[in-house]
């Protein structure tokens, strides 16, 4: 009964979307691309490094840490994945003295 129920839902959905059932089943059986599975793994590593360092590190520092560990990826790939994850580094403004406060003879 359960399998028939699921089949009728697939049949109905494919009819509504005007998609052949064979295309749906091909899509279900499809394995992810190497790049996609690699990006998922890399995203986990980037998130771990980012949160271990108190959300301060940006893409260049995370990239250097990964190179130091012997892992291979490009800086642009790290930047892209950080942007997709919504991770941003915390930037600190450098302290500047107020030049007008230093009155002197």
PDB file of N, CA and C in Angstrom:
ATOM      1  N   UNK A   1       0.821  -1.188   0.000  1.00  0.00           N
ATOM      2  CA  UNK A   1       0.000   0.000   0.000  1.00  0.00           C
ATOM      3  C   UNK A   1       0.871   1.260   0.000  1.00  0.00           C
ATOM      4  N   UNK A   2       1.890   1.253   0.874  1.00  0.00           N
ATOM      5  CA  UNK A   2       2.769   2.417   0.981  1.00  0.00           C
ATOM      6  C   UNK A   2       3.497   2.672  -0.330  1.00  0.00           C
ATOM      7  N   UNK A   3       4.011   1.611  -0.959  1.00  0.00           N
ATOM      8  CA  UNK A   3       4.734   1.792  -2.218  1.00  0.00           C
ATOM      9  C   UNK A   3       3.788   2.267  -3.318  1.00  0.00           C
ATOM     10  N   UNK A   4       2.564   1.778  -3.353  1.00  0.00           N
ATOM     11  CA  UNK A   4       1.594   2.240  -4.345  1.00  0.00           C
ATOM     12  C   UNK A   4       1.238   3.699  -4.120  1.00  0.00           C
ATOM     13  N   UNK A   5       1.134   4.083  -2.870  1.00  0.00           N
ATOM     14  CA  UNK A   5       0.822   5.478  -2.539  1.00  0.00           C
ATOM     15  C   UNK A   5       1.926   6.399  -3.051  1.00  0.00           C
ATOM     16  N   UNK A   6       3.182   6.001  -2.821  1.00  0.00           N
ATOM     17  CA  UNK A   6       4.302   6.819  -3.288  1.00  0.00           C
ATOM     18  C   UNK A   6       4.345   6.848  -4.810  1.00  0.00           C
ATOM     19  N   UNK A   7       4.063   5.747  -5.458  1.00  0.00           N
ATOM     20  CA  UNK A   7       4.085   5.707  -6.919  1.00  0.00           C
ATOM     21  C   UNK A   7       3.017   6.618  -7.509  1.00  0.00           C
ATOM     22  N   UNK A   8       1.834   6.609  -6.913  1.00  0.00           N
ATOM     23  CA  UNK A   8       0.775   7.466  -7.454  1.00  0.00           C
ATOM     24  C   UNK A   8       1.133   8.929  -7.272  1.00  0.00           C
ATOM     25  N   UNK A   9       1.832   9.283  -6.176  1.00  0.00           N
ATOM     26  CA  UNK A   9       2.262  10.661  -5.989  1.00  0.00           C
ATOM     27  C   UNK A   9       3.286  11.058  -7.043  1.00  0.00           C
ATOM     28  N   UNK A  10       4.211  10.168  -7.350  1.00  0.00           N
ATOM     29  CA  UNK A  10       5.223  10.447  -8.362  1.00  0.00           C
ATOM     30  C   UNK A  10       4.550  10.603  -9.721  1.00  0.00           C
ATOM     31  N   UNK A  11       3.628   9.725 -10.012  1.00  0.00           N
ATOM     32  CA  UNK A  11       2.924   9.784 -11.297  1.00  0.00           C
ATOM     33  C   UNK A  11       2.144  11.090 -11.432  1.00  0.00           C
ATOM     34  N   UNK A  12       1.459  11.456 -10.373  1.00  0.00           N
ATOM     35  CA  UNK A  12       0.670  12.685 -10.395  1.00  0.00           C
ATOM     36  C   UNK A  12       1.570  13.915 -10.515  1.00  0.00           C
ATOM     37  N   UNK A  13       2.668  13.939  -9.750  1.00  0.00           N
ATOM     38  CA  UNK A  13       3.589  15.083  -9.798  1.00  0.00           C
ATOM     39  C   UNK A  13       4.223  15.212 -11.175  1.00  0.00           C
ATOM     40  N   UNK A  14       4.605  14.083 -11.770  1.00  0.00           N
ATOM     41  CA  UNK A  14       5.214  14.121 -13.102  1.00  0.00           C
ATOM     42  C   UNK A  14       4.208  14.578 -14.154  1.00  0.00           C
ATOM     43  N   UNK A  15       2.965  14.192 -13.987  1.00  0.00           N
ATOM     44  CA  UNK A  15       1.928  14.627 -14.920  1.00  0.00           C
ATOM     45  C   UNK A  15       1.712  16.126 -14.820  1.00  0.00           C
ATOM     46  N   UNK A  16       1.642  16.635 -13.596  1.00  0.00           N
ATOM     47  CA  UNK A  16       1.429  18.069 -13.394  1.00  0.00           C
ATOM     48  C   UNK A  16       2.598  18.881 -13.936  1.00  0.00           C
ATOM     49  N   UNK A  17       3.814  18.403 -13.708  1.00  0.00           N
ATOM     50  CA  UNK A  17       5.011  19.123 -14.153  1.00  0.00           C
ATOM     51  C   UNK A  17       5.381  18.837 -15.604  1.00  0.00           C
ATOM     52  N   UNK A  18       4.642  17.926 -16.232  1.00  0.00           N
ATOM     53  CA  UNK A  18       4.894  17.527 -17.619  1.00  0.00           C
ATOM     54  C   UNK A  18       6.328  17.022 -17.806  1.00  0.00           C
ATOM     55  N   UNK A  19       6.712  16.133 -16.885  1.00  0.00           N
ATOM     56  CA  UNK A  19       8.043  15.522 -16.900  1.00  0.00           C
ATOM     57  C   UNK A  19       7.850  14.014 -16.990  1.00  0.00           C
ATOM     58  N   UNK A  20       8.611  13.325 -17.821  1.00  0.00           N
ATOM     59  CA  UNK A  20       8.496  11.869 -17.879  1.00  0.00           C
ATOM     60  C   UNK A  20       8.919  11.227 -16.550  1.00  0.00           C
ATOM     61  N   UNK A  21       8.249  10.140 -16.196  1.00  0.00           N
ATOM     62  CA  UNK A  21       8.589   9.445 -14.951  1.00  0.00           C
ATOM     63  C   UNK A  21      10.020   8.927 -14.980  1.00  0.00           C
ATOM     64  N   UNK A  22      10.483   8.523 -16.148  1.00  0.00           N
ATOM     65  CA  UNK A  22      11.845   8.002 -16.251  1.00  0.00           C
ATOM     66  C   UNK A  22      12.870   9.072 -15.879  1.00  0.00           C
ATOM     67  N   UNK A  23      12.586  10.318 -16.228  1.00  0.00           N
ATOM     68  CA  UNK A  23      13.495  11.420 -15.852  1.00  0.00           C
ATOM     69  C   UNK A  23      13.544  11.592 -14.346  1.00  0.00           C
ATOM     70  N   UNK A  24      12.389  11.452 -13.690  1.00  0.00           N
ATOM     71  CA  UNK A  24      12.356  11.559 -12.233  1.00  0.00           C
ATOM     72  C   UNK A  24      13.215  10.462 -11.606  1.00  0.00           C
ATOM     73  N   UNK A  25      13.049   9.226 -12.058  1.00  0.00           N
ATOM     74  CA  UNK A  25      13.795   8.127 -11.460  1.00  0.00           C
ATOM     75  C   UNK A  25      15.294   8.216 -11.784  1.00  0.00           C
ATOM     76  N   UNK A  26      15.631   8.738 -12.946  1.00  0.00           N
ATOM     77  CA  UNK A  26      17.046   8.992 -13.253  1.00  0.00           C
ATOM     78  C   UNK A  26      17.623  10.016 -12.288  1.00  0.00           C
ATOM     79  N   UNK A  27      16.841  11.039 -11.988  1.00  0.00           N
ATOM     80  CA  UNK A  27      17.273  12.092 -11.070  1.00  0.00           C
ATOM     81  C   UNK A  27      17.461  11.536  -9.659  1.00  0.00           C
ATOM     82  N   UNK A  28      16.566  10.647  -9.221  1.00  0.00           N
ATOM     83  CA  UNK A  28      16.656  10.053  -7.882  1.00  0.00           C
ATOM     84  C   UNK A  28      17.907   9.190  -7.758  1.00  0.00           C
ATOM     85  N   UNK A  29      18.251   8.448  -8.810  1.00  0.00           N
ATOM     86  CA  UNK A  29      19.392   7.532  -8.761  1.00  0.00           C
ATOM     87  C   UNK A  29      20.729   8.222  -9.022  1.00  0.00           C
ATOM     88  N   UNK A  30      20.696   9.471  -9.432  1.00  0.00           N
ATOM     89  CA  UNK A  30      21.924  10.175  -9.800  1.00  0.00           C
ATOM     90  C   UNK A  30      22.844  10.340  -8.588  1.00  0.00           C
ATOM     91  N   UNK A  31      24.129  10.122  -8.785  1.00  0.00           N
ATOM     92  CA  UNK A  31      25.119  10.343  -7.733  1.00  0.00           C
ATOM     93  C   UNK A  31      25.645  11.774  -7.851  1.00  0.00           C
ATOM     94  N   UNK A  32      26.027  12.384  -6.738  1.00  0.00           N
ATOM     95  CA  UNK A  32      26.527  13.756  -6.813  1.00  0.00           C
ATOM     96  C   UNK A  32      27.870  13.819  -7.537  1.00  0.00           C
ATOM     97  N   UNK A  33      28.137  14.970  -8.139  1.00  0.00           N
ATOM     98  CA  UNK A  33      29.403  15.180  -8.830  1.00  0.00           C
ATOM     99  C   UNK A  33      30.542  15.229  -7.824  1.00  0.00           C
ATOM    100  N   UNK A  34      31.760  14.964  -8.289  1.00  0.00           N
ATOM    101  CA  UNK A  34      32.934  15.025  -7.412  1.00  0.00           C
ATOM    102  C   UNK A  34      33.078  16.415  -6.801  1.00  0.00           C
ATOM    103  N   UNK A  35      32.913  17.428  -7.632  1.00  0.00           N
ATOM    104  CA  UNK A  35      33.073  18.805  -7.164  1.00  0.00           C
ATOM    105  C   UNK A  35      32.043  19.133  -6.084  1.00  0.00           C
ATOM    106  N   UNK A  36      30.815  18.671  -6.269  1.00  0.00           N
ATOM    107  CA  UNK A  36      29.766  18.952  -5.306  1.00  0.00           C
ATOM    108  C   UNK A  36      30.060  18.300  -3.962  1.00  0.00           C
ATOM    109  N   UNK A  37      30.468  17.042  -3.967  1.00  0.00           N
ATOM    110  CA  UNK A  37      30.780  16.367  -2.705  1.00  0.00           C
ATOM    111  C   UNK A  37      32.047  16.961  -2.084  1.00  0.00           C
ATOM    112  N   UNK A  38      32.991  17.375  -2.931  1.00  0.00           N
ATOM    113  CA  UNK A  38      34.192  18.030  -2.418  1.00  0.00           C
ATOM    114  C   UNK A  38      33.878  19.366  -1.779  1.00  0.00           C
ATOM    115  N   UNK A  39      32.955  20.121  -2.390  1.00  0.00           N
ATOM    116  CA  UNK A  39      32.547  21.409  -1.817  1.00  0.00           C
ATOM    117  C   UNK A  39      31.854  21.232  -0.477  1.00  0.00           C
ATOM    118  N   UNK A  40      31.045  20.180  -0.343  1.00  0.00           N
ATOM    119  CA  UNK A  40      30.380  19.927   0.937  1.00  0.00           C
ATOM    120  C   UNK A  40      31.408  19.622   2.022  1.00  0.00           C
ATOM    121  N   UNK A  41      32.395  18.815   1.692  1.00  0.00           N
ATOM    122  CA  UNK A  41      33.451  18.483   2.658  1.00  0.00           C
ATOM    123  C   UNK A  41      34.266  19.730   2.999  1.00  0.00           C
ATOM    124  N   UNK A  42      34.624  20.498   1.988  1.00  0.00           N
ATOM    125  CA  UNK A  42      35.404  21.710   2.198  1.00  0.00           C
ATOM    126  C   UNK A  42      34.628  22.739   3.006  1.00  0.00           C
ATOM    127  N   UNK A  43      33.318  22.820   2.783  1.00  0.00           N
ATOM    128  CA  UNK A  43      32.487  23.751   3.546  1.00  0.00           C
ATOM    129  C   UNK A  43      32.500  23.408   5.025  1.00  0.00           C
ATOM    130  N   UNK A  44      32.460  22.118   5.338  1.00  0.00           N
ATOM    131  CA  UNK A  44      32.527  21.695   6.746  1.00  0.00           C
ATOM    132  C   UNK A  44      33.863  22.086   7.366  1.00  0.00           C
ATOM    133  N   UNK A  45      34.958  21.877   6.630  1.00  0.00           N
ATOM    134  CA  UNK A  45      36.283  22.230   7.146  1.00  0.00           C
ATOM    135  C   UNK A  45      36.420  23.738   7.340  1.00  0.00           C
ATOM    136  N   UNK A  46      35.927  24.511   6.381  1.00  0.00           N
ATOM    137  CA  UNK A  46      36.004  25.970   6.477  1.00  0.00           C
ATOM    138  C   UNK A  46      35.206  26.456   7.677  1.00  0.00           C
ATOM    139  N   UNK A  47      34.008  25.914   7.867  1.00  0.00           N
ATOM    140  CA  UNK A  47      33.175  26.313   9.008  1.00  0.00           C
ATOM    141  C   UNK A  47      33.858  25.986  10.324  1.00  0.00           C
ATOM    142  N   UNK A  48      34.473  24.812  10.393  1.00  0.00           N
ATOM    143  CA  UNK A  48      35.151  24.404  11.621  1.00  0.00           C
ATOM    144  C   UNK A  48      36.299  25.362  11.953  1.00  0.00           C
ATOM    145  N   UNK A  49      37.133  25.674  10.957  1.00  0.00           N
ATOM    146  CA  UNK A  49      38.254  26.588  11.169  1.00  0.00           C
ATOM    147  C   UNK A  49      37.738  27.969  11.561  1.00  0.00           C
ATOM    148  N   UNK A  50      36.697  28.421  10.891  1.00  0.00           N
ATOM    149  CA  UNK A  50      36.123  29.749  11.138  1.00  0.00           C
ATOM    150  C   UNK A  50      35.627  29.872  12.583  1.00  0.00           C
ATOM    151  N   UNK A  51      34.868  28.891  13.058  1.00  0.00           N
ATOM    152  CA  UNK A  51      34.303  28.973  14.407  1.00  0.00           C
ATOM    153  C   UNK A  51      35.331  28.655  15.494  1.00  0.00           C
ATOM    154  N   UNK A  52      36.352  27.857  15.182  1.00  0.00           N
ATOM    155  CA  UNK A  52      37.417  27.604  16.152  1.00  0.00           C
ATOM    156  C   UNK A  52      38.217  28.874  16.432  1.00  0.00           C
ATOM    157  N   UNK A  53      38.268  29.759  15.468  1.00  0.00           N
ATOM    158  CA  UNK A  53      39.035  30.994  15.617  1.00  0.00           C
ATOM    159  C   UNK A  53      38.144  32.200  15.904  1.00  0.00           C
ATOM    160  N   UNK A  54      37.035  31.952  16.586  1.00  0.00           N
ATOM    161  CA  UNK A  54      36.143  32.996  17.094  1.00  0.00           C
ATOM    162  C   UNK A  54      35.584  33.908  16.009  1.00  0.00           C
ATOM    163  N   UNK A  55      35.344  33.356  14.834  1.00  0.00           N
ATOM    164  CA  UNK A  55      34.720  34.063  13.707  1.00  0.00           C
ATOM    165  C   UNK A  55      35.516  35.287  13.249  1.00  0.00           C
ATOM    166  N   UNK A  56      36.812  35.248  13.452  1.00  0.00           N
ATOM    167  CA  UNK A  56      37.668  36.377  13.092  1.00  0.00           C
ATOM    168  C   UNK A  56      38.341  36.151  11.746  1.00  0.00           C
ATOM    169  N   UNK A  57      38.713  34.914  11.458  1.00  0.00           N
ATOM    170  CA  UNK A  57      39.492  34.629  10.254  1.00  0.00           C
ATOM    171  C   UNK A  57      38.659  34.774   8.983  1.00  0.00           C
ATOM    172  N   UNK A  58      39.270  35.378   7.973  1.00  0.00           N
ATOM    173  CA  UNK A  58      38.664  35.485   6.655  1.00  0.00           C
ATOM    174  C   UNK A  58      39.234  34.425   5.727  1.00  0.00           C
ATOM    175  N   UNK A  59      38.898  34.547   4.460  1.00  0.00           N
ATOM    176  CA  UNK A  59      39.310  33.552   3.470  1.00  0.00           C
ATOM    177  C   UNK A  59      40.830  33.424   3.334  1.00  0.00           C
ATOM    178  N   UNK A  60      41.598  34.542   3.308  1.00  0.00           N
ATOM    179  CA  UNK A  60      43.051  34.378   3.156  1.00  0.00           C
ATOM    180  C   UNK A  60      43.697  33.585   4.297  1.00  0.00           C
ATOM    181  N   UNK A  61      43.272  33.840   5.530  1.00  0.00           N
ATOM    182  CA  UNK A  61      43.869  33.119   6.657  1.00  0.00           C
ATOM    183  C   UNK A  61      43.439  31.657   6.661  1.00  0.00           C
ATOM    184  N   UNK A  62      42.180  31.402   6.353  1.00  0.00           N
ATOM    185  CA  UNK A  62      41.706  30.021   6.295  1.00  0.00           C
ATOM    186  C   UNK A  62      42.428  29.280   5.182  1.00  0.00           C
ATOM    187  N   UNK A  63      42.648  29.943   4.067  1.00  0.00           N
ATOM    188  CA  UNK A  63      43.389  29.349   2.946  1.00  0.00           C
ATOM    189  C   UNK A  63      44.809  28.988   3.384  1.00  0.00           C
ATOM    190  N   UNK A  64      45.477  29.895   4.102  1.00  0.00           N
ATOM    191  CA  UNK A  64      46.843  29.631   4.569  1.00  0.00           C
ATOM    192  C   UNK A  64      46.885  28.482   5.569  1.00  0.00           C
ATOM    193  N   UNK A  65      45.890  28.388   6.431  1.00  0.00           N
ATOM    194  CA  UNK A  65      45.824  27.279   7.394  1.00  0.00           C
ATOM    195  C   UNK A  65      45.700  25.957   6.648  1.00  0.00           C
ATOM    196  N   UNK A  66      44.837  25.916   5.626  1.00  0.00           N
ATOM    197  CA  UNK A  66      44.640  24.692   4.848  1.00  0.00           C
ATOM    198  C   UNK A  66      45.903  24.314   4.095  1.00  0.00           C
ATOM    199  N   UNK A  67      46.619  25.300   3.547  1.00  0.00           N
ATOM    200  CA  UNK A  67      47.878  25.017   2.850  1.00  0.00           C
ATOM    201  C   UNK A  67      48.900  24.462   3.845  1.00  0.00           C
ATOM    202  N   UNK A  68      48.927  25.037   5.060  1.00  0.00           N
ATOM    203  CA  UNK A  68      49.827  24.550   6.099  1.00  0.00           C
ATOM    204  C   UNK A  68      49.546  23.110   6.495  1.00  0.00           C
ATOM    205  N   UNK A  69      48.313  22.696   6.404  1.00  0.00           N
ATOM    206  CA  UNK A  69      47.937  21.317   6.727  1.00  0.00           C
ATOM    207  C   UNK A  69      48.189  20.366   5.563  1.00  0.00           C
ATOM    208  N   UNK A  70      48.555  20.909   4.422  1.00  0.00           N
ATOM    209  CA  UNK A  70      48.818  20.082   3.258  1.00  0.00           C
ATOM    210  C   UNK A  70      47.583  19.810   2.419  1.00  0.00           C
ATOM    211  N   UNK A  71      46.506  20.539   2.662  1.00  0.00           N
ATOM    212  CA  UNK A  71      45.277  20.365   1.884  1.00  0.00           C
ATOM    213  C   UNK A  71      45.316  21.312   0.699  1.00  0.00           C
ATOM    214  N   UNK A  72      44.717  20.907  -0.397  1.00  0.00           N
ATOM    215  CA  UNK A  72      44.847  21.651  -1.635  1.00  0.00           C
ATOM    216  C   UNK A  72      43.511  22.248  -2.065  1.00  0.00           C
ATOM    217  N   UNK A  73      43.459  23.544  -2.238  1.00  0.00           N
ATOM    218  CA  UNK A  73      42.314  24.245  -2.826  1.00  0.00           C
ATOM    219  C   UNK A  73      42.759  25.668  -3.111  1.00  0.00           C
ATOM    220  N   UNK A  74      42.001  26.364  -3.931  1.00  0.00           N
ATOM    221  CA  UNK A  74      42.390  27.728  -4.284  1.00  0.00           C
ATOM    222  C   UNK A  74      41.745  28.726  -3.336  1.00  0.00           C
ATOM    223  N   UNK A  75      42.329  29.906  -3.275  1.00  0.00           N
ATOM    224  CA  UNK A  75      41.797  30.979  -2.439  1.00  0.00           C
ATOM    225  C   UNK A  75      40.404  31.379  -2.909  1.00  0.00           C
ATOM    226  N   UNK A  76      40.204  31.446  -4.220  1.00  0.00           N
ATOM    227  CA  UNK A  76      38.898  31.843  -4.750  1.00  0.00           C
ATOM    228  C   UNK A  76      37.810  30.835  -4.387  1.00  0.00           C
ATOM    229  N   UNK A  77      38.168  29.566  -4.339  1.00  0.00           N
ATOM    230  CA  UNK A  77      37.191  28.547  -3.957  1.00  0.00           C
ATOM    231  C   UNK A  77      36.798  28.709  -2.494  1.00  0.00           C
ATOM    232  N   UNK A  78      37.782  28.994  -1.643  1.00  0.00           N
ATOM    233  CA  UNK A  78      37.497  29.235  -0.229  1.00  0.00           C
ATOM    234  C   UNK A  78      36.620  30.477  -0.089  1.00  0.00           C
ATOM    235  N   UNK A  79      36.925  31.539  -0.833  1.00  0.00           N
ATOM    236  CA  UNK A  79      36.129  32.759  -0.779  1.00  0.00           C
ATOM    237  C   UNK A  79      34.689  32.493  -1.206  1.00  0.00           C
ATOM    238  N   UNK A  80      34.517  31.748  -2.290  1.00  0.00           N
ATOM    239  CA  UNK A  80      33.183  31.459  -2.811  1.00  0.00           C
ATOM    240  C   UNK A  80      32.364  30.660  -1.804  1.00  0.00           C
ATOM    241  N   UNK A  81      32.984  29.652  -1.199  1.00  0.00           N
ATOM    242  CA  UNK A  81      32.266  28.819  -0.239  1.00  0.00           C
ATOM    243  C   UNK A  81      31.928  29.599   1.027  1.00  0.00           C
ATOM    244  N   UNK A  82      32.831  30.471   1.460  1.00  0.00           N
ATOM    245  CA  UNK A  82      32.531  31.304   2.632  1.00  0.00           C
ATOM    246  C   UNK A  82      31.357  32.227   2.331  1.00  0.00           C
ATOM    247  N   UNK A  83      31.311  32.773   1.125  1.00  0.00           N
ATOM    248  CA  UNK A  83      30.216  33.655   0.751  1.00  0.00           C
ATOM    249  C   UNK A  83      28.894  32.887   0.724  1.00  0.00           C
ATOM    250  N   UNK A  84      28.923  31.655   0.190  1.00  0.00           N
ATOM    251  CA  UNK A  84      27.718  30.834   0.137  1.00  0.00           C
ATOM    252  C   UNK A  84      27.242  30.448   1.530  1.00  0.00           C
ATOM    253  N   UNK A  85      28.179  30.242   2.466  1.00  0.00           N
ATOM    254  CA  UNK A  85      27.823  29.884   3.835  1.00  0.00           C
ATOM    255  C   UNK A  85      27.429  31.097   4.669  1.00  0.00           C
ATOM    256  N   UNK A  86      27.698  32.284   4.145  1.00  0.00           N
ATOM    257  CA  UNK A  86      27.382  33.508   4.884  1.00  0.00           C
ATOM    258  C   UNK A  86      28.386  33.819   5.974  1.00  0.00           C
ATOM    259  N   UNK A  87      29.625  33.344   5.831  1.00  0.00           N
ATOM    260  CA  UNK A  87      30.669  33.577   6.829  1.00  0.00           C
ATOM    261  C   UNK A  87      31.476  34.804   6.433  1.00  0.00           C
ATOM    262  N   UNK A  88      31.608  35.743   7.360  1.00  0.00           N
ATOM    263  CA  UNK A  88      32.385  36.949   7.101  1.00  0.00           C
ATOM    264  C   UNK A  88      33.332  37.163   8.261  1.00  0.00           C
ATOM    265  N   UNK A  89      34.519  37.619   7.946  1.00  0.00           N
ATOM    266  CA  UNK A  89      35.489  37.859   9.005  1.00  0.00           C
ATOM    267  C   UNK A  89      35.142  39.148   9.730  1.00  0.00           C
ATOM    268  N   UNK A  90      35.606  39.241  10.957  1.00  0.00           N
ATOM    269  CA  UNK A  90      35.423  40.456  11.740  1.00  0.00           C
ATOM    270  C   UNK A  90      36.639  41.325  11.489  1.00  0.00           C
ATOM    271  N   UNK A  91      36.413  42.516  10.992  1.00  0.00           N
ATOM    272  CA  UNK A  91      37.520  43.427  10.737  1.00  0.00           C
ATOM    273  C   UNK A  91      37.629  44.400  11.895  1.00  0.00           C
ATOM    274  N   UNK A  92      38.839  44.617  12.332  1.00  0.00           N
ATOM    275  CA  UNK A  92      39.101  45.535  13.437  1.00  0.00           C
ATOM    276  C   UNK A  92      39.713  46.802  12.874  1.00  0.00           C
ATOM    277  N   UNK A  93      39.172  47.920  13.282  1.00  0.00           N
ATOM    278  CA  UNK A  93      39.759  49.182  12.855  1.00  0.00           C
ATOM    279  C   UNK A  93      41.021  49.434  13.657  1.00  0.00           C
ATOM    280  N   UNK A  94      42.026  49.961  12.988  1.00  0.00           N
ATOM    281  CA  UNK A  94      43.257  50.288  13.680  1.00  0.00           C
ATOM    282  C   UNK A  94      43.047  51.564  14.489  1.00  0.00           C
ATOM    283  N   UNK A  95      43.661  51.601  15.651  1.00  0.00           N
ATOM    284  CA  UNK A  95      43.534  52.756  16.524  1.00  0.00           C
ATOM    285  C   UNK A  95      44.324  53.917  15.936  1.00  0.00           C
ATOM    286  N   UNK A  96      43.673  55.043  15.808  1.00  0.00           N
ATOM    287  CA  UNK A  96      44.339  56.245  15.320  1.00  0.00           C
ATOM    288  C   UNK A  96      44.210  57.317  16.390  1.00  0.00           C
ATOM    289  N   UNK A  97      45.305  57.960  16.653  1.00  0.00           N
ATOM    290  CA  UNK A  97      45.255  59.043  17.631  1.00  0.00           C
ATOM    291  C   UNK A  97      44.618  60.268  16.987  1.00  0.00           C
ATOM    292  N   UNK A  98      43.970  61.048  17.816  1.00  0.00           N
ATOM    293  CA  UNK A  98      43.337  62.273  17.330  1.00  0.00           C
ATOM    294  C   UNK A  98      44.417  63.350  17.283  1.00  0.00           C
ATOM    295  N   UNK A  99      44.752  63.784  16.106  1.00  0.00           N
ATOM    296  CA  UNK A  99      45.847  64.735  15.937  1.00  0.00           C
ATOM    297  C   UNK A  99      45.485  66.110  16.491  1.00  0.00           C
ATOM    298  N   UNK A 100      44.205  66.451  16.495  1.00  0.00           N
ATOM    299  CA  UNK A 100      43.816  67.758  16.992  1.00  0.00           C
ATOM    300  C   UNK A 100      43.905  67.837  18.515  1.00  0.00           C
ATOM    301  N   UNK A 101      43.838  66.733  19.195  1.00  0.00           N
ATOM    302  CA  UNK A 101      43.909  66.732  20.656  1.00  0.00           C
ATOM    303  C   UNK A 101      45.330  66.973  21.143  1.00  0.00           C
ATOM    304  N   UNK A 102      46.308  66.826  20.314  1.00  0.00           N
ATOM    305  CA  UNK A 102      47.707  67.004  20.721  1.00  0.00           C
ATOM    306  C   UNK A 102      48.145  68.451  20.490  1.00  0.00           C
ATOM    307  N   UNK A 103      47.638  69.362  21.335  1.00  0.00           N
ATOM    308  CA  UNK A 103      48.063  70.744  21.254  1.00  0.00           C
ATOM    309  C   UNK A 103      49.385  70.899  21.993  1.00  0.00           C
ATOM    310  N   UNK A 104      50.265  71.592  21.451  1.00  0.00           N
ATOM    311  CA  UNK A 104      51.546  71.795  22.127  1.00  0.00           C
ATOM    312  C   UNK A 104      52.181  73.089  21.695  1.00  0.00           C
ATOM    313  N   UNK A 105      53.158  73.529  22.454  1.00  0.00           N
ATOM    314  CA  UNK A 105      53.821  74.793  22.095  1.00  0.00           C
ATOM    315  C   UNK A 105      54.691  74.701  20.885  1.00  0.00           C
TER     316      UNK A 105
END
